[in-house]
Amino acid sequence: MNMNRPEVIPAQRRSLLLEYLLQRGAASIQELADAMGASPSTVRRDLEQLEDEGHLRRTHGGAVVSSANHSTFEPDAAIAAQASRAEKLAIGAAAAGLLSTGDSVVFDSGSTVLAAARAAVERRVTLTAVTNDLGIGQVLAASDKVRVVVPGGTVRRGSLTLVGEPAQSFMRDIHADVAFVGTQSITGGLLSDTSVEIASIKRAMIAAARRVVLLADSSKFQPAAFYKICDVTAVHEIITDRAAPAKQLDQIRELGVKVTLVDIAPGGPE
């Protein structure tokens, strides 16, 4: 796994570094430098930042993952945006392909749903879009084909996500055609997230739509996060990539939920 690409931005490099550690549990600085195609001093600086953010623990000459088993842990937004980037782009494109002219669509927060919003704009499909994410709202508003409704609320610290009221009350009063939602974890037949406030707004979105599509790359198949969103049977379809665990996907299909697997272009995005 050599990531020696000069165009890699710091957040993307730190995301790749963290993914490498999550796969192996621990690694030396030299091993990480070789894998990232970066200098040991650059890796040391990345490790210091990731440790400050609670992602890992430094050891003598390397690092170990320290956060993977904490149910309230969520990655920094910049790192999350870069993680599994090729998978998210493919999932987003597949989701946008489900939309038809005139649809009303709820866009949840999150980097995979953001990919779906960008793909929908590229398709120039006429939509009414509701979102609690200021960044996604900005992307959608750039299209003259999309009418954007942002229901308000309180900006969650460290993100562009609106939570609480009046967003939840607004969601209870609408009937959208489709909702694109994300999750922190898929565990068996359970969807969960790291906070009560995020789980609550996701439940309201799910209840507001006639068809609910969960957008989740394979890294989301992991131990449960802190707070339950819903049972997986509350969604109609899951779009994920082919690295998702086959046994869990079979179990989800047995529950009557459609599973769509996307293919990743060789080499991924530039």
C-alpha atoms as a PDB file:
ATOM      1  CA  MET A   1       0.000   0.000   0.000  1.00  0.00           C
ATOM      2  CA  ASN A   2       2.156   2.836  -1.245  1.00  0.00           C
ATOM      3  CA  MET A   3       0.419   6.212  -1.128  1.00  0.00           C
ATOM      4  CA  ASN A   4       3.311   8.082  -2.754  1.00  0.00           C
ATOM      5  CA  ARG A   5       1.181  10.631  -4.601  1.00  0.00           C
ATOM      6  CA  PRO A   6       2.276  14.262  -4.419  1.00  0.00           C
ATOM      7  CA  GLU A   7      -1.253  15.588  -4.803  1.00  0.00           C
ATOM      8  CA  VAL A   8      -2.464  14.004  -1.544  1.00  0.00           C
ATOM      9  CA  ILE A   9      -3.611  16.770   0.810  1.00  0.00           C
ATOM     10  CA  PRO A  10      -2.804  16.575   4.555  1.00  0.00           C
ATOM     11  CA  ALA A  11      -6.323  15.575   5.613  1.00  0.00           C
ATOM     12  CA  GLN A  12      -6.388  12.833   2.991  1.00  0.00           C
ATOM     13  CA  ARG A  13      -2.954  11.594   4.053  1.00  0.00           C
ATOM     14  CA  ARG A  14      -4.040  11.466   7.697  1.00  0.00           C
ATOM     15  CA  SER A  15      -7.185   9.602   6.668  1.00  0.00           C
ATOM     16  CA  LEU A  16      -5.118   7.032   4.753  1.00  0.00           C
ATOM     17  CA  LEU A  17      -2.749   6.740   7.702  1.00  0.00           C
ATOM     18  CA  LEU A  18      -5.622   6.120  10.094  1.00  0.00           C
ATOM     19  CA  GLU A  19      -7.178   3.534   7.758  1.00  0.00           C
ATOM     20  CA  TYR A  20      -3.804   1.765   7.585  1.00  0.00           C
ATOM     21  CA  LEU A  21      -3.628   1.646  11.382  1.00  0.00           C
ATOM     22  CA  LEU A  22      -7.231   0.491  11.723  1.00  0.00           C
ATOM     23  CA  GLN A  23      -6.454  -2.456   9.442  1.00  0.00           C
ATOM     24  CA  ARG A  24      -3.314  -3.441  11.360  1.00  0.00           C
ATOM     25  CA  GLY A  25      -3.893  -2.172  14.887  1.00  0.00           C
ATOM     26  CA  ALA A  26      -0.340  -0.820  15.215  1.00  0.00           C
ATOM     27  CA  ALA A  27       2.608   0.228  13.058  1.00  0.00           C
ATOM     28  CA  SER A  28       6.017   1.839  13.315  1.00  0.00           C
ATOM     29  CA  ILE A  29       6.754   5.334  12.038  1.00  0.00           C
ATOM     30  CA  GLN A  30       9.011   3.933   9.320  1.00  0.00           C
ATOM     31  CA  GLU A  31       6.340   1.467   8.200  1.00  0.00           C
ATOM     32  CA  LEU A  32       3.796   4.280   8.029  1.00  0.00           C
ATOM     33  CA  ALA A  33       6.216   6.535   6.165  1.00  0.00           C
ATOM     34  CA  ASP A  34       6.826   3.801   3.569  1.00  0.00           C
ATOM     35  CA  ALA A  35       3.100   3.117   3.205  1.00  0.00           C
ATOM     36  CA  MET A  36       2.167   6.790   2.878  1.00  0.00           C
ATOM     37  CA  GLY A  37       5.091   7.760   0.679  1.00  0.00           C
ATOM     38  CA  ALA A  38       5.900  10.517   3.181  1.00  0.00           C
ATOM     39  CA  SER A  39       8.891  11.402   5.323  1.00  0.00           C
ATOM     40  CA  PRO A  40       9.128  10.130   8.929  1.00  0.00           C
ATOM     41  CA  SER A  41       8.952  13.725  10.178  1.00  0.00           C
ATOM     42  CA  THR A  42       5.676  14.276   8.283  1.00  0.00           C
ATOM     43  CA  VAL A  43       4.259  11.052   9.730  1.00  0.00           C
ATOM     44  CA  ARG A  44       5.290  12.146  13.241  1.00  0.00           C
ATOM     45  CA  ARG A  45       3.397  15.422  12.823  1.00  0.00           C
ATOM     46  CA  ASP A  46       0.351  13.559  11.510  1.00  0.00           C
ATOM     47  CA  LEU A  47       0.466  11.143  14.441  1.00  0.00           C
ATOM     48  CA  GLU A  48       0.703  14.009  16.911  1.00  0.00           C
ATOM     49  CA  GLN A  49      -2.423  15.617  15.463  1.00  0.00           C
ATOM     50  CA  LEU A  50      -4.333  12.340  15.318  1.00  0.00           C
ATOM     51  CA  GLU A  51      -3.384  11.615  18.922  1.00  0.00           C
ATOM     52  CA  ASP A  52      -4.553  15.077  20.023  1.00  0.00           C
ATOM     53  CA  GLU A  53      -7.890  14.367  18.342  1.00  0.00           C
ATOM     54  CA  GLY A  54      -8.243  11.016  20.121  1.00  0.00           C
ATOM     55  CA  HIS A  55      -7.855   8.768  17.087  1.00  0.00           C
ATOM     56  CA  LEU A  56      -4.796   6.832  18.278  1.00  0.00           C
ATOM     57  CA  ARG A  57      -2.109   6.503  20.933  1.00  0.00           C
ATOM     58  CA  ARG A  58       1.561   7.138  20.234  1.00  0.00           C
ATOM     59  CA  THR A  59       4.044   4.462  21.244  1.00  0.00           C
ATOM     60  CA  HIS A  60       7.838   4.431  21.210  1.00  0.00           C
ATOM     61  CA  GLY A  61       8.612   4.539  17.488  1.00  0.00           C
ATOM     62  CA  GLY A  62       5.041   4.156  16.248  1.00  0.00           C
ATOM     63  CA  ALA A  63       1.333   4.242  17.099  1.00  0.00           C
ATOM     64  CA  VAL A  64      -1.624   2.033  17.998  1.00  0.00           C
ATOM     65  CA  VAL A  65      -5.325   2.627  17.411  1.00  0.00           C
ATOM     66  CA  SER A  66      -6.993   3.638  20.651  1.00  0.00           C
ATOM     67  CA  SER A  67     -10.458   4.790  19.629  1.00  0.00           C
ATOM     68  CA  ALA A  68     -12.020   2.051  17.508  1.00  0.00           C
ATOM     69  CA  ASN A  69     -13.914   0.475  20.418  1.00  0.00           C
ATOM     70  CA  HIS A  70     -15.374   3.693  21.868  1.00  0.00           C
ATOM     71  CA  SER A  71     -19.062   3.896  20.977  1.00  0.00           C
ATOM     72  CA  THR A  72     -19.086   7.705  21.161  1.00  0.00           C
ATOM     73  CA  PHE A  73     -16.023   8.147  18.939  1.00  0.00           C
ATOM     74  CA  GLU A  74     -16.430   9.884  15.594  1.00  0.00           C
ATOM     75  CA  PRO A  75     -13.638  11.022  13.287  1.00  0.00           C
ATOM     76  CA  ASP A  76     -12.770  14.628  12.610  1.00  0.00           C
ATOM     77  CA  ALA A  77     -14.944  15.944   9.759  1.00  0.00           C
ATOM     78  CA  ALA A  78     -11.974  16.634   7.460  1.00  0.00           C
ATOM     79  CA  ILE A  79     -10.624  13.124   7.972  1.00  0.00           C
ATOM     80  CA  ALA A  80     -14.057  11.528   7.549  1.00  0.00           C
ATOM     81  CA  ALA A  81     -14.493  13.360   4.244  1.00  0.00           C
ATOM     82  CA  GLN A  82     -11.329  11.767   2.859  1.00  0.00           C
ATOM     83  CA  ALA A  83     -11.794   8.232   4.244  1.00  0.00           C
ATOM     84  CA  SER A  84     -12.986   5.641   1.685  1.00  0.00           C
ATOM     85  CA  ARG A  85     -13.288   8.450  -0.847  1.00  0.00           C
ATOM     86  CA  ALA A  86     -13.578   6.289  -3.964  1.00  0.00           C
ATOM     87  CA  GLU A  87     -16.285   4.186  -2.325  1.00  0.00           C
ATOM     88  CA  LYS A  88     -18.258   7.263  -1.289  1.00  0.00           C
ATOM     89  CA  LEU A  89     -18.126   8.742  -4.784  1.00  0.00           C
ATOM     90  CA  ALA A  90     -19.392   5.492  -6.311  1.00  0.00           C
ATOM     91  CA  ILE A  91     -22.157   5.165  -3.721  1.00  0.00           C
ATOM     92  CA  GLY A  92     -23.185   8.793  -4.241  1.00  0.00           C
ATOM     93  CA  ALA A  93     -23.369   8.331  -8.004  1.00  0.00           C
ATOM     94  CA  ALA A  94     -25.524   5.224  -7.616  1.00  0.00           C
ATOM     95  CA  ALA A  95     -27.854   7.067  -5.239  1.00  0.00           C
ATOM     96  CA  ALA A  96     -28.239  10.037  -7.580  1.00  0.00           C
ATOM     97  CA  GLY A  97     -29.119   7.613 -10.356  1.00  0.00           C
ATOM     98  CA  LEU A  98     -32.276   6.653  -8.434  1.00  0.00           C
ATOM     99  CA  LEU A  99     -33.734  10.162  -8.621  1.00  0.00           C
ATOM    100  CA  SER A 100     -36.383  11.282 -11.081  1.00  0.00           C
ATOM    101  CA  THR A 101     -37.453  14.747 -12.206  1.00  0.00           C
ATOM    102  CA  GLY A 102     -39.795  16.325  -9.655  1.00  0.00           C
ATOM    103  CA  ASP A 103     -38.714  14.186  -6.699  1.00  0.00           C
ATOM    104  CA  SER A 104     -38.673  15.616  -3.201  1.00  0.00           C
ATOM    105  CA  VAL A 105     -35.538  14.369  -1.453  1.00  0.00           C
ATOM    106  CA  VAL A 106     -34.266  14.512   2.125  1.00  0.00           C
ATOM    107  CA  PHE A 107     -30.477  14.705   2.290  1.00  0.00           C
ATOM    108  CA  ASP A 108     -29.014  13.704   5.654  1.00  0.00           C
ATOM    109  CA  SER A 109     -25.632  15.055   6.754  1.00  0.00           C
ATOM    110  CA  GLY A 110     -22.371  13.207   6.114  1.00  0.00           C
ATOM    111  CA  SER A 111     -19.694  12.834   3.470  1.00  0.00           C
ATOM    112  CA  THR A 112     -21.365   9.970   1.575  1.00  0.00           C
ATOM    113  CA  VAL A 113     -24.661  11.845   1.341  1.00  0.00           C
ATOM    114  CA  LEU A 114     -22.646  14.883   0.233  1.00  0.00           C
ATOM    115  CA  ALA A 115     -21.299  12.754  -2.629  1.00  0.00           C
ATOM    116  CA  ALA A 116     -24.895  11.926  -3.591  1.00  0.00           C
ATOM    117  CA  ALA A 117     -25.824  15.622  -3.550  1.00  0.00           C
ATOM    118  CA  ARG A 118     -22.919  16.502  -5.835  1.00  0.00           C
ATOM    119  CA  ALA A 119     -23.842  13.685  -8.205  1.00  0.00           C
ATOM    120  CA  ALA A 120     -27.462  14.866  -8.292  1.00  0.00           C
ATOM    121  CA  VAL A 121     -26.318  18.381  -9.205  1.00  0.00           C
ATOM    122  CA  GLU A 122     -24.128  16.964 -11.977  1.00  0.00           C
ATOM    123  CA  ARG A 123     -27.128  15.066 -13.349  1.00  0.00           C
ATOM    124  CA  ARG A 124     -29.113  18.340 -13.456  1.00  0.00           C
ATOM    125  CA  VAL A 125     -32.235  16.608 -12.222  1.00  0.00           C
ATOM    126  CA  THR A 126     -35.040  18.900 -11.020  1.00  0.00           C
ATOM    127  CA  LEU A 127     -35.610  18.357  -7.296  1.00  0.00           C
ATOM    128  CA  THR A 128     -36.993  19.809  -4.112  1.00  0.00           C
ATOM    129  CA  ALA A 129     -34.308  19.081  -1.525  1.00  0.00           C
ATOM    130  CA  VAL A 130     -34.510  19.221   2.261  1.00  0.00           C
ATOM    131  CA  THR A 131     -31.278  19.030   4.232  1.00  0.00           C
ATOM    132  CA  ASN A 132     -30.022  19.711   7.747  1.00  0.00           C
ATOM    133  CA  ASP A 133     -26.448  20.098   6.506  1.00  0.00           C
ATOM    134  CA  LEU A 134     -25.267  23.591   5.586  1.00  0.00           C
ATOM    135  CA  GLY A 135     -22.494  22.268   3.337  1.00  0.00           C
ATOM    136  CA  ILE A 136     -24.857  20.002   1.420  1.00  0.00           C
ATOM    137  CA  GLY A 137     -27.353  22.839   1.163  1.00  0.00           C
ATOM    138  CA  GLN A 138     -24.679  25.031  -0.419  1.00  0.00           C
ATOM    139  CA  VAL A 139     -23.797  22.334  -2.952  1.00  0.00           C
ATOM    140  CA  LEU A 140     -27.442  21.817  -3.913  1.00  0.00           C
ATOM    141  CA  ALA A 141     -28.154  25.549  -4.069  1.00  0.00           C
ATOM    142  CA  ALA A 142     -25.506  25.929  -6.773  1.00  0.00           C
ATOM    143  CA  SER A 143     -27.900  24.200  -9.194  1.00  0.00           C
ATOM    144  CA  ASP A 144     -30.744  26.094 -10.832  1.00  0.00           C
ATOM    145  CA  LYS A 145     -32.601  22.765 -10.955  1.00  0.00           C
ATOM    146  CA  VAL A 146     -32.818  22.281  -7.184  1.00  0.00           C
ATOM    147  CA  ARG A 147     -35.073  24.093  -4.732  1.00  0.00           C
ATOM    148  CA  VAL A 148     -33.378  23.850  -1.337  1.00  0.00           C
ATOM    149  CA  VAL A 149     -35.153  23.882   2.030  1.00  0.00           C
ATOM    150  CA  VAL A 150     -33.033  24.100   5.202  1.00  0.00           C
ATOM    151  CA  PRO A 151     -35.306  23.561   8.211  1.00  0.00           C
ATOM    152  CA  GLY A 152     -33.114  25.272  10.808  1.00  0.00           C
ATOM    153  CA  GLY A 153     -31.817  24.148  14.149  1.00  0.00           C
ATOM    154  CA  THR A 154     -28.581  24.455  16.118  1.00  0.00           C
ATOM    155  CA  VAL A 155     -25.219  23.913  14.415  1.00  0.00           C
ATOM    156  CA  ARG A 156     -23.546  20.915  15.970  1.00  0.00           C
ATOM    157  CA  ARG A 157     -20.053  21.662  17.232  1.00  0.00           C
ATOM    158  CA  GLY A 158     -17.302  20.701  14.811  1.00  0.00           C
ATOM    159  CA  SER A 159     -19.647  20.211  11.866  1.00  0.00           C
ATOM    160  CA  LEU A 160     -22.080  21.914   9.503  1.00  0.00           C
ATOM    161  CA  THR A 161     -24.975  19.785  10.742  1.00  0.00           C
ATOM    162  CA  LEU A 162     -28.163  21.317  12.161  1.00  0.00           C
ATOM    163  CA  VAL A 163     -29.826  19.379  14.976  1.00  0.00           C
ATOM    164  CA  GLY A 164     -32.748  19.830  17.355  1.00  0.00           C
ATOM    165  CA  GLU A 165     -35.657  22.184  16.755  1.00  0.00           C
ATOM    166  CA  PRO A 166     -37.189  23.377  14.503  1.00  0.00           C
ATOM    167  CA  ALA A 167     -35.701  20.733  12.175  1.00  0.00           C
ATOM    168  CA  GLN A 168     -37.306  17.742  13.889  1.00  0.00           C
ATOM    169  CA  SER A 169     -40.787  19.300  13.982  1.00  0.00           C
ATOM    170  CA  PHE A 170     -40.428  20.276  10.327  1.00  0.00           C
ATOM    171  CA  MET A 171     -39.554  16.699   9.366  1.00  0.00           C
ATOM    172  CA  ARG A 172     -42.681  15.408  11.082  1.00  0.00           C
ATOM    173  CA  ASP A 173     -44.825  17.572   8.793  1.00  0.00           C
ATOM    174  CA  ILE A 174     -43.380  16.616   5.396  1.00  0.00           C
ATOM    175  CA  HIS A 175     -43.860  13.635   3.105  1.00  0.00           C
ATOM    176  CA  ALA A 176     -40.807  13.300   0.867  1.00  0.00           C
ATOM    177  CA  ASP A 177     -40.392  10.841  -1.969  1.00  0.00           C
ATOM    178  CA  VAL A 178     -36.881   9.731  -0.987  1.00  0.00           C
ATOM    179  CA  ALA A 179     -34.488  10.120   1.942  1.00  0.00           C
ATOM    180  CA  PHE A 180     -30.750   9.558   1.603  1.00  0.00           C
ATOM    181  CA  VAL A 181     -29.422   8.858   5.086  1.00  0.00           C
ATOM    182  CA  GLY A 182     -26.119   7.826   6.593  1.00  0.00           C
ATOM    183  CA  THR A 183     -25.086   6.041   9.773  1.00  0.00           C
ATOM    184  CA  GLN A 184     -22.040   5.655  11.959  1.00  0.00           C
ATOM    185  CA  SER A 185     -22.434   1.885  12.376  1.00  0.00           C
ATOM    186  CA  ILE A 186     -24.298  -1.055  10.895  1.00  0.00           C
ATOM    187  CA  THR A 187     -24.276  -3.945  13.349  1.00  0.00           C
ATOM    188  CA  GLY A 188     -26.354  -6.927  12.352  1.00  0.00           C
ATOM    189  CA  GLY A 189     -29.865  -5.544  12.018  1.00  0.00           C
ATOM    190  CA  LEU A 190     -29.160  -2.309  13.902  1.00  0.00           C
ATOM    191  CA  LEU A 191     -28.201   1.190  12.758  1.00  0.00           C
ATOM    192  CA  SER A 192     -26.572   3.450  15.352  1.00  0.00           C
ATOM    193  CA  ASP A 193     -24.756   6.745  15.745  1.00  0.00           C
ATOM    194  CA  THR A 194     -22.512   8.495  18.226  1.00  0.00           C
ATOM    195  CA  SER A 195     -24.999  10.924  19.790  1.00  0.00           C
ATOM    196  CA  VAL A 196     -28.629  11.156  20.803  1.00  0.00           C
ATOM    197  CA  GLU A 197     -29.190  14.376  18.840  1.00  0.00           C
ATOM    198  CA  ILE A 198     -27.871  12.945  15.568  1.00  0.00           C
ATOM    199  CA  ALA A 199     -29.834   9.703  15.976  1.00  0.00           C
ATOM    200  CA  SER A 200     -33.015  11.678  16.675  1.00  0.00           C
ATOM    201  CA  ILE A 201     -32.847  13.808  13.533  1.00  0.00           C
ATOM    202  CA  LYS A 202     -32.048  10.733  11.430  1.00  0.00           C
ATOM    203  CA  ARG A 203     -35.133   8.957  12.781  1.00  0.00           C
ATOM    204  CA  ALA A 204     -37.261  11.971  11.865  1.00  0.00           C
ATOM    205  CA  MET A 205     -35.857  11.936   8.323  1.00  0.00           C
ATOM    206  CA  ILE A 206     -36.535   8.229   7.950  1.00  0.00           C
ATOM    207  CA  ALA A 207     -40.143   8.703   9.069  1.00  0.00           C
ATOM    208  CA  ALA A 208     -40.607  11.606   6.632  1.00  0.00           C
ATOM    209  CA  ALA A 209     -39.874   9.689   3.427  1.00  0.00           C
ATOM    210  CA  ARG A 210     -41.786   7.121   1.417  1.00  0.00           C
ATOM    211  CA  ARG A 211     -38.528   5.451   0.387  1.00  0.00           C
ATOM    212  CA  VAL A 212     -35.384   5.432   2.532  1.00  0.00           C
ATOM    213  CA  VAL A 213     -31.971   4.656   1.069  1.00  0.00           C
ATOM    214  CA  LEU A 214     -29.028   4.137   3.414  1.00  0.00           C
ATOM    215  CA  LEU A 215     -25.688   5.243   1.950  1.00  0.00           C
ATOM    216  CA  ALA A 216     -22.862   3.514   3.797  1.00  0.00           C
ATOM    217  CA  ASP A 217     -19.432   2.337   2.690  1.00  0.00           C
ATOM    218  CA  SER A 218     -18.075  -0.974   3.966  1.00  0.00           C
ATOM    219  CA  SER A 219     -16.202   0.629   6.893  1.00  0.00           C
ATOM    220  CA  LYS A 220     -19.580   1.293   8.541  1.00  0.00           C
ATOM    221  CA  PHE A 221     -20.079  -2.428   9.202  1.00  0.00           C
ATOM    222  CA  GLN A 222     -18.611  -2.315  12.699  1.00  0.00           C
ATOM    223  CA  PRO A 223     -19.558  -2.558  16.406  1.00  0.00           C
ATOM    224  CA  ALA A 224     -22.546  -0.502  17.467  1.00  0.00           C
ATOM    225  CA  ALA A 225     -22.134   3.189  18.204  1.00  0.00           C
ATOM    226  CA  PHE A 226     -23.539   4.843  21.319  1.00  0.00           C
ATOM    227  CA  TYR A 227     -27.178   5.402  20.393  1.00  0.00           C
ATOM    228  CA  LYS A 228     -29.645   3.400  18.314  1.00  0.00           C
ATOM    229  CA  ILE A 229     -31.122   5.048  15.237  1.00  0.00           C
ATOM    230  CA  CYS A 230     -33.446   2.260  14.130  1.00  0.00           C
ATOM    231  CA  ASP A 231     -33.618  -1.323  12.978  1.00  0.00           C
ATOM    232  CA  VAL A 232     -32.251  -1.891   9.492  1.00  0.00           C
ATOM    233  CA  THR A 233     -35.766  -2.852   8.364  1.00  0.00           C
ATOM    234  CA  ALA A 234     -36.721   0.839   8.624  1.00  0.00           C
ATOM    235  CA  VAL A 235     -34.806   1.438   5.384  1.00  0.00           C
ATOM    236  CA  HIS A 236     -35.757   0.081   1.976  1.00  0.00           C
ATOM    237  CA  GLU A 237     -32.334  -0.127   0.360  1.00  0.00           C
ATOM    238  CA  ILE A 238     -28.668  -0.035   1.342  1.00  0.00           C
ATOM    239  CA  ILE A 239     -26.063   1.099  -1.158  1.00  0.00           C
ATOM    240  CA  THR A 240     -22.561   0.005  -0.199  1.00  0.00           C
ATOM    241  CA  ASP A 241     -19.351  -1.268  -1.775  1.00  0.00           C
ATOM    242  CA  ARG A 242     -18.258  -4.837  -2.411  1.00  0.00           C
ATOM    243  CA  ALA A 243     -15.890  -4.923   0.568  1.00  0.00           C
ATOM    244  CA  ALA A 244     -18.882  -5.032   2.927  1.00  0.00           C
ATOM    245  CA  PRO A 245     -19.096  -8.336   4.854  1.00  0.00           C
ATOM    246  CA  ALA A 246     -21.044 -10.856   2.767  1.00  0.00           C
ATOM    247  CA  LYS A 247     -22.559 -12.626   5.783  1.00  0.00           C
ATOM    248  CA  GLN A 248     -24.073  -9.411   7.146  1.00  0.00           C
ATOM    249  CA  LEU A 249     -25.347  -8.443   3.709  1.00  0.00           C
ATOM    250  CA  ASP A 250     -27.064 -11.819   3.369  1.00  0.00           C
ATOM    251  CA  GLN A 251     -28.716 -11.315   6.758  1.00  0.00           C
ATOM    252  CA  ILE A 252     -29.931  -7.884   5.701  1.00  0.00           C
ATOM    253  CA  ARG A 253     -31.355  -9.272   2.451  1.00  0.00           C
ATOM    254  CA  GLU A 254     -33.182 -11.952   4.454  1.00  0.00           C
ATOM    255  CA  LEU A 255     -34.890  -9.148   6.371  1.00  0.00           C
ATOM    256  CA  GLY A 256     -36.325  -7.864   3.092  1.00  0.00           C
ATOM    257  CA  VAL A 257     -33.979  -4.916   2.600  1.00  0.00           C
ATOM    258  CA  LYS A 258     -32.554  -4.422  -0.891  1.00  0.00           C
ATOM    259  CA  VAL A 259     -28.749  -4.341  -1.056  1.00  0.00           C
ATOM    260  CA  THR A 260     -26.995  -2.609  -3.943  1.00  0.00           C
ATOM    261  CA  LEU A 261     -23.239  -3.067  -4.340  1.00  0.00           C
ATOM    262  CA  VAL A 262     -21.164  -0.534  -6.261  1.00  0.00           C
ATOM    263  CA  ASP A 263     -17.945  -1.132  -8.143  1.00  0.00           C
ATOM    264  CA  ILE A 264     -14.929   1.092  -7.572  1.00  0.00           C
ATOM    265  CA  ALA A 265     -12.987   2.340 -10.572  1.00  0.00           C
ATOM    266  CA  PRO A 266      -9.411   0.972 -10.658  1.00  0.00           C
ATOM    267  CA  GLY A 267      -7.101   3.353  -8.847  1.00  0.00           C
ATOM    268  CA  GLY A 268      -9.988   5.385  -7.417  1.00  0.00           C
ATOM    269  CA  PRO A 269     -10.382   9.129  -7.866  1.00  0.00           C
ATOM    270  CA  GLU A 270      -7.482  11.465  -8.368  1.00  0.00           C
END
